[in-house]
Protein backbone atom coordinates (compact mmCIF):
# COMPACT_ATOMS: atom_id res chain seq x y z
CA MET A 1 74.07 58.62 76.94
CA ARG A 2 71.02 56.41 78.02
CA SER A 3 67.76 57.51 77.45
CA SER A 4 65.32 58.30 80.46
CA ARG A 5 62.90 55.19 79.03
CA ALA A 6 66.27 52.87 79.13
CA ARG A 7 66.79 54.15 83.16
CA ALA A 8 62.75 53.80 83.86
CA ARG A 9 62.47 50.26 82.26
CA ARG A 10 65.63 49.38 84.27
CA ARG A 11 64.24 50.76 87.35
CA ARG A 12 60.89 49.01 86.86
CA ASP A 13 62.66 45.42 86.14
CA HIS A 14 63.83 45.43 89.64
CA LEU A 15 60.83 45.65 91.57
CA ALA A 16 60.08 43.40 94.58
CA ARG A 17 56.60 41.94 95.54
CA VAL A 18 56.37 42.79 99.16
CA VAL A 19 53.30 41.18 101.02
CA LEU A 20 52.38 42.65 104.57
CA SER A 21 49.98 41.27 107.03
CA GLY A 22 48.71 42.32 110.95
CA THR A 23 49.47 45.46 111.86
CA LEU A 24 51.75 46.43 109.13
CA GLN A 25 49.06 45.90 106.65
CA GLN A 26 47.05 48.19 108.98
CA LEU A 27 49.57 50.78 108.94
CA ALA A 28 50.36 50.51 105.20
CA GLY A 29 46.53 51.76 104.58
CA GLY A 30 45.38 48.16 104.40
CA ALA A 31 47.86 47.09 101.64
CA SER A 32 48.35 43.89 101.80
CA GLU A 33 50.66 43.38 98.62
CA LEU A 34 53.19 46.31 97.34
CA GLU A 35 55.53 46.56 94.45
CA VAL A 36 59.07 48.30 95.74
CA GLU A 37 62.13 49.03 94.06
CA ALA A 38 64.98 47.64 95.76
CA ARG A 39 68.24 45.88 95.40
CA ASP A 40 68.56 45.05 99.36
CA VAL A 41 66.68 44.99 102.55
CA ARG A 42 68.12 48.22 103.79
CA GLN A 43 66.76 49.90 100.24
CA LEU A 44 63.28 48.22 100.65
CA LEU A 45 62.86 49.29 104.23
CA ARG A 46 63.71 52.87 103.66
CA ALA A 47 61.10 52.75 100.55
CA LEU A 48 58.61 51.44 102.56
CA GLY A 49 59.47 54.14 105.49
CA GLN A 50 59.01 57.04 102.86
CA ARG A 51 55.82 55.65 101.18
CA PHE A 52 53.84 54.69 104.69
CA PRO A 53 55.78 57.37 107.50
CA GLU A 54 53.52 55.40 110.01
CA LEU A 55 55.18 52.13 109.03
CA ALA A 56 58.34 53.82 109.65
CA PRO A 57 59.27 53.23 113.26
CA HIS A 58 57.81 49.79 113.34
CA LEU A 59 60.69 48.52 110.43
CA ASP A 60 63.64 48.72 112.69
CA SER A 61 63.02 45.87 115.24
CA GLY A 62 60.60 42.77 115.34
CA TYR A 63 60.59 41.76 112.06
CA ALA A 64 62.44 39.11 110.16
CA ILE A 65 62.47 39.43 106.53
CA ALA A 66 61.91 36.53 104.11
CA ILE A 67 62.94 36.80 100.53
CA ASP A 68 61.42 34.07 98.23
CA GLY A 69 61.56 31.83 101.12
CA GLU A 70 64.74 32.36 102.92
CA ILE A 71 64.27 34.19 106.23
CA PHE A 72 66.78 36.84 107.25
CA GLN A 73 67.04 38.70 110.45
CA ASP A 74 68.96 41.96 110.88
CA ALA A 75 70.74 41.73 107.52
CA TRP A 76 70.51 45.02 106.11
CA PHE A 77 72.53 44.35 102.85
CA ALA A 78 70.62 40.72 102.30
CA PRO A 79 70.21 41.04 98.10
CA ILE A 80 66.77 41.45 96.92
CA GLY A 81 66.89 40.30 93.41
CA PRO A 82 64.41 41.00 90.55
CA ASP A 83 60.72 39.89 90.81
CA SER A 84 61.48 38.68 94.30
CA GLU A 85 59.02 38.29 96.92
CA VAL A 86 59.29 39.36 100.25
CA HIS A 87 57.34 38.83 103.55
CA LEU A 88 57.96 40.90 106.63
CA VAL A 89 56.93 38.51 109.64
CA PRO A 90 57.36 38.99 113.37
CA ALA A 91 60.73 37.77 114.28
CA ILE A 92 60.77 34.63 116.66
CA ARG A 93 62.45 35.60 119.90
CA GLY A 94 63.70 33.00 122.17
CA GLY A 95 63.53 32.62 126.05
């Protein structure tokens, strides 16, 4: 049986650094950078919405996710590695 210390360490080892700006930063109480435990985009957005309920309605659409410099759009299960840097950026829409 694993100890609670080992489980806690394993959870801490999978923290992503999330960078917010603009409206999202305002809705997150002014935080521009956060650490969030998530293994994919879906978990990340769920965790952000739970932590900042005012932010939740804005996370469903209108934003692309950049994970370690690679941009994803509508990729709920895109993997987020340990120590990844994640940016939420307004999606670019064509005309």
